[in-house]
Amino acid sequence: MDSRELLRLIERFGEATVAVAGDLLADLYIASRPSGLSREAPVMILTEEGRWISPGGAANAMACVLSLSGNVLPVGVVGDDAAGVMLLEELEGRGMDTSGVIVAAGHGTYTKTRVFAGDLHTVKQQVMRIDRRPPDRVSGAVEKQVLAAIDKASGLADAWLVSDYDADFFTDSVISRLNGEGRSKILVVDSHRRLASFPGAMCVTPNEAEASLATGIQIDNDADAAQAARHLRSACDAEWVFLTRGNRGMMIAGRDGSLVTIPIVGPEDIVDVAGAGDTVAAVLALSFACDIEPVKAGVLAAVAASVVCMKTGVATVSIDEIRTALEKYPPPAVQSIGSIVPDGQG
């Protein structure tokens, strides 16, 4: 697989439409500079210099599909609070059709507030994060609106991407409806704690921590990763498991017993993994929607995630950035590490 082939494949993404359903998070960033020590307590005084909201959670997965030139259909819920209004405006400002995003009256928006501090001529560092979670699941009335939004998107989507941040979106009825979609369309599942709730999906995309939580296997080396990937593929009844491993790249396990590894692209010193999982899931959904072979899809995802890991904060990647990365670094080499015994044969 050379760079030219990878670019030809990724440039097909504009032909695909991916519906993304999941937990919409507002990532609020506050930039500040230290201005002294408080006399009230032994803490710094920070003077705010600016604040902005970026899409987080499923909203970032939606932004990833869009930044990769794909067509995105968002399905989710925000509150009618200030964070929800700002997040909806941000998505609309990027050109998304947000008719599938339900604004729930009296329901808060899951917000992650990150405070960065640094002097004028230094790089600001994150010093604090404050999370605000909605206290309750969505109401029955909102759930009905969500189910209607799923039905509407179904007629337009080539693939579905489930982006589950264990917040307030995935009720039993929503999970059941999305599983119904998975029986007739491509379903890519990126879930923190409910990977096995979507049996028969095209693929699941856990990181090592999520795979360990789901399987009870502590992943310390390649053998552990292989065992966890095989176990998870069987438990989820998924066609493929794409296990992301930070600077150790990615491991892919298939229903046919195949097992391959893909290294990262570029330097191994990762700046920030935030957004990398969303990027991998978005690339895979777009790739499967374009009938790209799974291992080639994994290579595209590894390249895209490597670019995102070189950025600070929750980020996305563009086709041009991937092109630049492939011009600078050689494509990752896929390595087969043998076969694992297919299910039911040992």
Protein backbone atom coordinates (compact mmCIF):
# COMPACT_ATOMS: atom_id res chain seq x y z
CA MET A 1 0.00 0.00 0.00
CA ASP A 2 1.65 3.23 -1.11
CA SER A 3 0.73 6.85 -0.45
CA ARG A 4 -0.93 7.30 -3.83
CA GLU A 5 -3.32 4.41 -3.24
CA LEU A 6 -4.20 5.69 0.23
CA LEU A 7 -4.95 9.16 -1.13
CA ARG A 8 -7.12 7.72 -3.91
CA LEU A 9 -9.09 5.81 -1.30
CA ILE A 10 -9.56 8.67 1.14
CA GLU A 11 -10.62 11.06 -1.61
CA ARG A 12 -13.70 8.86 -2.11
CA PHE A 13 -15.06 9.92 1.28
CA GLY A 14 -17.03 12.75 -0.31
CA GLU A 15 -19.32 10.13 -1.84
CA ALA A 16 -20.46 8.78 1.55
CA THR A 17 -23.14 9.88 4.01
CA VAL A 18 -22.71 8.85 7.65
CA ALA A 19 -25.37 9.31 10.30
CA VAL A 20 -23.78 9.86 13.71
CA ALA A 21 -25.89 9.15 16.79
CA GLY A 22 -24.65 9.76 20.27
CA ASP A 23 -23.84 11.90 23.29
CA LEU A 24 -23.26 15.52 22.29
CA LEU A 25 -20.71 17.19 24.55
CA ALA A 26 -19.69 20.83 24.71
CA ASP A 27 -15.95 21.28 25.19
CA LEU A 28 -15.52 24.72 26.78
CA TYR A 29 -11.98 26.12 26.71
CA ILE A 30 -10.87 29.01 28.92
CA ALA A 31 -7.50 30.64 28.17
CA SER A 32 -5.88 32.57 31.01
CA ARG A 33 -2.60 33.96 32.31
CA PRO A 34 -1.27 33.83 35.89
CA SER A 35 -1.56 37.20 37.61
CA GLY A 36 -0.44 36.44 41.15
CA LEU A 37 -1.16 34.42 44.26
CA SER A 38 -4.42 34.66 46.15
CA ARG A 39 -4.36 35.97 49.70
CA GLU A 40 -7.43 33.88 50.44
CA ALA A 41 -5.82 30.50 49.73
CA PRO A 42 -2.51 29.13 48.40
CA VAL A 43 -3.66 29.15 44.78
CA MET A 44 -2.87 31.05 41.61
CA ILE A 45 -5.03 33.90 40.42
CA LEU A 46 -5.79 33.47 36.71
CA THR A 47 -6.96 36.30 34.50
CA GLU A 48 -9.23 35.09 31.73
CA GLU A 49 -8.16 36.03 28.20
CA GLY A 50 -10.83 34.26 26.20
CA ARG A 51 -13.20 31.30 25.96
CA TRP A 52 -14.72 29.22 23.19
CA ILE A 53 -16.69 26.03 22.65
CA SER A 54 -15.68 23.11 20.44
CA PRO A 55 -17.71 19.99 19.59
CA GLY A 56 -17.01 17.13 21.98
CA GLY A 57 -18.10 13.51 22.25
CA ALA A 58 -20.39 12.52 19.39
CA ALA A 59 -20.32 16.14 18.21
CA ASN A 60 -16.59 15.75 17.57
CA ALA A 61 -17.21 12.50 15.68
CA MET A 62 -19.66 14.46 13.51
CA ALA A 63 -17.05 17.15 12.99
CA CYS A 64 -14.52 14.46 12.03
CA VAL A 65 -16.79 13.07 9.30
CA LEU A 66 -17.32 16.58 7.96
CA SER A 67 -13.62 17.53 8.06
CA LEU A 68 -12.84 14.40 6.02
CA SER A 69 -15.21 15.65 3.27
CA GLY A 70 -17.95 13.17 4.16
CA ASN A 71 -21.62 14.04 4.45
CA VAL A 72 -22.85 13.88 8.05
CA LEU A 73 -26.32 13.50 9.55
CA PRO A 74 -26.22 14.38 13.28
CA VAL A 75 -28.65 12.74 15.71
CA GLY A 76 -28.42 13.74 19.35
CA VAL A 77 -29.72 15.87 22.21
CA VAL A 78 -28.57 19.16 23.72
CA GLY A 79 -30.08 21.15 26.57
CA ASP A 80 -31.60 24.57 26.23
CA ASP A 81 -28.82 26.03 28.39
CA ALA A 82 -26.07 28.38 27.19
CA ALA A 83 -23.67 25.51 26.41
CA GLY A 84 -26.29 23.72 24.33
CA VAL A 85 -27.14 26.84 22.36
CA MET A 86 -23.45 27.55 21.69
CA LEU A 87 -22.77 23.95 20.65
CA LEU A 88 -25.71 23.92 18.25
CA GLU A 89 -24.54 27.21 16.74
CA GLU A 90 -21.04 25.76 16.35
CA LEU A 91 -22.32 22.71 14.48
CA GLU A 92 -24.55 24.81 12.24
CA GLY A 93 -21.65 27.19 11.60
CA ARG A 94 -19.67 24.26 10.22
CA GLY A 95 -22.43 23.58 7.72
CA MET A 96 -24.19 20.65 9.41
CA ASP A 97 -27.89 19.98 9.07
CA THR A 98 -28.88 19.86 12.74
CA SER A 99 -32.53 18.99 12.22
CA GLY A 100 -31.81 15.64 13.93
CA VAL A 101 -30.47 17.35 17.08
CA ILE A 102 -33.20 17.67 19.68
CA VAL A 103 -33.15 20.68 22.03
CA ALA A 104 -34.53 19.38 25.34
CA ALA A 105 -36.18 22.02 27.52
CA GLY A 106 -34.84 22.05 31.06
CA HIS A 107 -32.19 19.44 30.25
CA GLY A 108 -28.55 20.39 30.77
CA THR A 109 -25.80 19.87 28.20
CA TYR A 110 -22.85 17.67 29.16
CA THR A 111 -20.00 20.18 29.37
CA LYS A 112 -16.27 19.70 29.89
CA THR A 113 -14.57 22.94 30.89
CA ARG A 114 -10.80 22.99 30.42
CA VAL A 115 -8.78 25.84 31.91
CA PHE A 116 -5.44 26.63 30.25
CA ALA A 117 -2.87 28.96 31.79
CA GLY A 118 0.42 30.47 30.65
CA ASP A 119 2.26 33.74 30.21
CA LEU A 120 2.11 35.75 27.01
CA HIS A 121 5.19 34.17 25.40
CA THR A 122 4.72 30.59 26.58
CA VAL A 123 2.53 27.70 25.49
CA LYS A 124 -0.52 27.52 27.72
CA GLN A 125 -0.95 24.29 29.66
CA GLN A 126 -4.15 22.71 30.94
CA VAL A 127 -4.34 23.20 34.71
CA MET A 128 -7.90 22.09 35.47
CA ARG A 129 -10.95 20.36 34.02
CA ILE A 130 -14.46 20.70 35.37
CA ASP A 131 -17.23 18.38 34.11
CA ARG A 132 -20.95 19.07 34.30
CA ARG A 133 -23.17 16.09 33.52
CA PRO A 134 -26.94 16.16 33.04
CA PRO A 135 -28.51 14.65 36.18
CA ASP A 136 -31.11 12.57 34.34
CA ARG A 137 -31.67 10.55 31.19
CA VAL A 138 -33.67 12.18 28.43
CA SER A 139 -37.44 12.26 28.95
CA GLY A 140 -39.89 9.98 27.17
CA ALA A 141 -41.04 12.85 24.95
CA VAL A 142 -37.48 13.63 23.89
CA GLU A 143 -36.79 9.93 23.31
CA LYS A 144 -39.70 9.80 20.83
CA GLN A 145 -38.18 12.74 18.95
CA VAL A 146 -34.82 10.97 18.86
CA LEU A 147 -36.37 7.79 17.45
CA ALA A 148 -38.10 9.86 14.77
CA ALA A 149 -34.78 11.52 13.92
CA ILE A 150 -33.14 8.08 13.56
CA ASP A 151 -35.91 6.97 11.21
CA LYS A 152 -35.51 10.12 9.12
CA ALA A 153 -31.72 9.79 8.84
CA SER A 154 -32.00 6.10 7.98
CA GLY A 155 -33.32 6.82 4.50
CA LEU A 156 -30.31 8.99 3.67
CA ALA A 157 -27.38 7.30 5.42
CA ASP A 158 -24.92 4.81 3.94
CA ALA A 159 -23.60 3.96 7.39
CA TRP A 160 -24.28 4.61 11.07
CA LEU A 161 -21.69 5.61 13.65
CA VAL A 162 -22.60 5.11 17.30
CA SER A 163 -20.66 7.50 19.56
CA ASP A 164 -21.40 6.50 23.15
CA TYR A 165 -19.77 8.58 25.89
CA ASP A 166 -21.88 7.01 28.66
CA ALA A 167 -23.90 10.18 29.17
CA ASP A 168 -27.66 10.53 28.65
CA PHE A 169 -28.52 9.64 25.05
CA PHE A 170 -28.62 5.84 24.82
CA THR A 171 -31.88 4.62 26.27
CA ASP A 172 -32.96 1.01 25.74
CA SER A 173 -35.29 2.09 22.93
CA VAL A 174 -32.58 4.09 21.16
CA ILE A 175 -30.14 1.18 21.37
CA SER A 176 -32.81 -1.19 20.01
CA ARG A 177 -33.61 1.11 17.10
CA LEU A 178 -29.92 1.51 16.17
CA ASN A 179 -29.42 -2.25 16.35
CA GLY A 180 -32.28 -2.52 13.88
CA GLU A 181 -30.36 -0.16 11.60
CA GLY A 182 -27.30 -2.37 11.96
CA ARG A 183 -29.16 -5.33 10.49
CA SER A 184 -29.58 -3.54 7.17
CA LYS A 185 -26.75 -0.99 7.13
CA ILE A 186 -23.17 -0.60 8.22
CA LEU A 187 -22.89 0.03 11.97
CA VAL A 188 -19.64 1.26 13.54
CA VAL A 189 -19.65 1.34 17.34
CA ASP A 190 -17.44 3.57 19.49
CA SER A 191 -18.66 3.03 23.05
CA HIS A 192 -17.04 3.59 26.42
CA ARG A 193 -18.97 0.96 28.36
CA ARG A 194 -21.59 -0.67 26.10
CA LEU A 195 -19.62 -2.32 23.30
CA ALA A 196 -21.58 -5.57 23.65
CA SER A 197 -24.93 -3.75 23.47
CA PHE A 198 -24.69 -3.59 19.67
CA PRO A 199 -24.30 -7.24 18.56
CA GLY A 200 -23.57 -7.91 14.92
CA ALA A 201 -22.00 -4.50 14.24
CA MET A 202 -19.58 -4.15 11.34
CA CYS A 203 -16.90 -3.12 13.82
CA VAL A 204 -16.21 -1.85 17.33
CA THR A 205 -13.39 0.60 18.03
CA PRO A 206 -12.23 0.40 21.67
CA ASN A 207 -9.01 1.78 23.08
CA GLU A 208 -7.00 -0.40 25.46
CA ALA A 209 -8.73 0.88 28.59
CA GLU A 210 -12.19 0.22 27.13
CA ALA A 211 -11.15 -3.22 25.89
CA SER A 212 -9.76 -4.10 29.33
CA LEU A 213 -12.97 -2.93 31.01
CA ALA A 214 -15.12 -4.98 28.64
CA THR A 215 -13.04 -8.17 28.82
CA GLY A 216 -11.34 -8.08 32.23
CA ILE A 217 -7.98 -8.57 30.47
CA GLN A 218 -5.14 -6.29 31.56
CA ILE A 219 -3.32 -5.23 28.39
CA ASP A 220 0.44 -4.93 28.98
CA ASN A 221 1.83 -6.32 25.73
CA ASP A 222 0.93 -7.55 22.25
CA ALA A 223 -0.18 -10.97 23.48
CA ASP A 224 -2.62 -9.38 25.93
CA ALA A 225 -3.93 -7.08 23.19
CA ALA A 226 -4.47 -10.03 20.85
CA GLN A 227 -6.33 -11.97 23.53
CA ALA A 228 -8.54 -8.98 24.37
CA ALA A 229 -9.29 -8.24 20.71
CA ARG A 230 -10.28 -11.84 20.02
CA HIS A 231 -12.40 -12.07 23.16
CA LEU A 232 -14.13 -8.77 22.42
CA ARG A 233 -14.86 -9.63 18.80
CA SER A 234 -16.60 -12.81 19.93
CA ALA A 235 -18.45 -11.15 22.83
CA CYS A 236 -19.73 -8.35 20.59
CA ASP A 237 -20.40 -10.66 17.63
CA ALA A 238 -18.74 -7.96 15.51
CA GLU A 239 -17.21 -8.51 12.11
CA TRP A 240 -14.10 -6.59 13.16
CA VAL A 241 -12.41 -5.14 16.22
CA PHE A 242 -10.12 -2.15 15.71
CA LEU A 243 -8.21 -1.86 18.98
CA THR A 244 -6.41 1.48 19.27
CA ARG A 245 -3.23 1.44 21.36
CA GLY A 246 -1.83 4.98 21.52
CA ASN A 247 1.77 5.14 20.34
CA ARG A 248 1.70 1.37 19.77
CA GLY A 249 -0.66 1.83 16.85
CA MET A 250 -3.65 -0.38 16.18
CA MET A 251 -4.53 -4.07 16.25
CA ILE A 252 -7.27 -5.46 14.01
CA ALA A 253 -9.04 -8.75 14.67
CA GLY A 254 -11.47 -10.22 12.13
CA ARG A 255 -14.23 -12.79 12.28
CA ASP A 256 -12.11 -14.99 10.00
CA GLY A 257 -9.43 -15.26 12.69
CA SER A 258 -7.04 -12.79 11.05
CA LEU A 259 -4.96 -10.55 13.30
CA VAL A 260 -2.81 -7.66 12.08
CA THR A 261 -1.03 -4.70 13.61
CA ILE A 262 -0.58 -1.22 12.15
CA PRO A 263 2.02 1.19 13.60
CA ILE A 264 1.45 4.90 13.98
CA VAL A 265 2.71 7.38 11.39
CA GLY A 266 5.49 9.81 12.28
CA PRO A 267 7.04 10.38 15.72
CA GLU A 268 6.00 8.25 18.70
CA ASP A 269 5.93 11.25 21.07
CA ILE A 270 2.20 11.89 21.17
CA VAL A 271 1.07 15.41 22.07
CA ASP A 272 -2.57 14.65 22.94
CA VAL A 273 -4.80 11.64 22.23
CA ALA A 274 -8.02 13.67 22.64
CA GLY A 275 -10.16 13.21 19.54
CA ALA A 276 -8.14 10.32 18.15
CA GLY A 277 -10.84 7.74 18.90
CA ASP A 278 -13.49 9.89 17.21
CA THR A 279 -11.22 10.20 14.18
CA VAL A 280 -10.68 6.44 13.93
CA ALA A 281 -14.41 5.74 14.15
CA ALA A 282 -15.23 8.43 11.55
CA VAL A 283 -12.63 7.13 9.10
CA LEU A 284 -13.86 3.55 9.50
CA ALA A 285 -17.51 4.53 8.99
CA LEU A 286 -16.62 6.48 5.85
CA SER A 287 -14.37 3.68 4.59
CA PHE A 288 -16.96 0.95 5.02
CA ALA A 289 -19.57 3.20 3.40
CA CYS A 290 -17.21 3.44 0.40
CA ASP A 291 -16.61 -0.36 0.29
CA ILE A 292 -12.95 0.00 1.25
CA GLU A 293 -11.36 -3.21 2.52
CA PRO A 294 -11.13 -3.40 6.35
CA VAL A 295 -7.33 -3.54 6.64
CA LYS A 296 -6.92 -0.65 4.19
CA ALA A 297 -9.56 1.22 6.20
CA GLY A 298 -7.46 0.55 9.30
CA VAL A 299 -4.38 2.02 7.64
CA LEU A 300 -6.32 5.16 6.70
CA ALA A 301 -7.59 5.41 10.28
CA ALA A 302 -4.07 4.99 11.68
CA VAL A 303 -2.73 7.78 9.48
CA ALA A 304 -5.59 10.13 10.39
CA ALA A 305 -5.32 9.39 14.12
CA SER A 306 -1.56 9.96 14.05
CA VAL A 307 -2.12 13.47 12.69
CA VAL A 308 -4.73 14.23 15.37
CA CYS A 309 -2.39 13.03 18.13
CA MET A 310 0.07 15.75 17.13
CA LYS A 311 -2.50 18.43 18.03
CA THR A 312 -3.47 19.85 21.40
CA GLY A 313 -7.04 19.38 22.59
CA VAL A 314 -9.98 17.62 20.96
CA ALA A 315 -9.23 17.89 17.25
CA THR A 316 -10.17 16.77 13.76
CA VAL A 317 -8.11 16.15 10.63
CA SER A 318 -8.58 17.16 7.00
CA ILE A 319 -7.76 15.40 3.73
CA ASP A 320 -5.02 17.99 3.10
CA GLU A 321 -3.42 17.26 6.49
CA ILE A 322 -3.42 13.55 5.73
CA ARG A 323 -1.87 14.25 2.33
CA THR A 324 0.87 16.31 3.99
CA ALA A 325 1.55 13.54 6.52
CA LEU A 326 1.87 10.93 3.77
CA GLU A 327 4.28 13.19 1.88
CA LYS A 328 6.43 13.56 5.00
CA TYR A 329 6.30 10.02 6.39
CA PRO A 330 6.07 6.59 4.73
CA PRO A 331 2.71 4.80 5.02
CA PRO A 332 2.47 2.42 7.97
CA ALA A 333 3.38 -1.18 7.20
CA VAL A 334 0.69 -3.73 7.98
CA GLN A 335 2.09 -6.74 9.83
CA SER A 336 0.23 -10.00 10.11
CA ILE A 337 0.93 -11.68 13.42
CA GLY A 338 -0.56 -14.98 12.40
CA SER A 339 -4.07 -16.23 12.86
CA ILE A 340 -6.05 -16.72 15.96
CA VAL A 341 -8.30 -19.76 16.12
CA PRO A 342 -11.71 -18.89 14.61
CA ASP A 343 -14.66 -18.99 16.98
CA GLY A 344 -15.85 -22.48 17.82
CA GLN A 345 -12.66 -24.22 16.60
CA GLY A 346 -10.62 -24.57 19.73
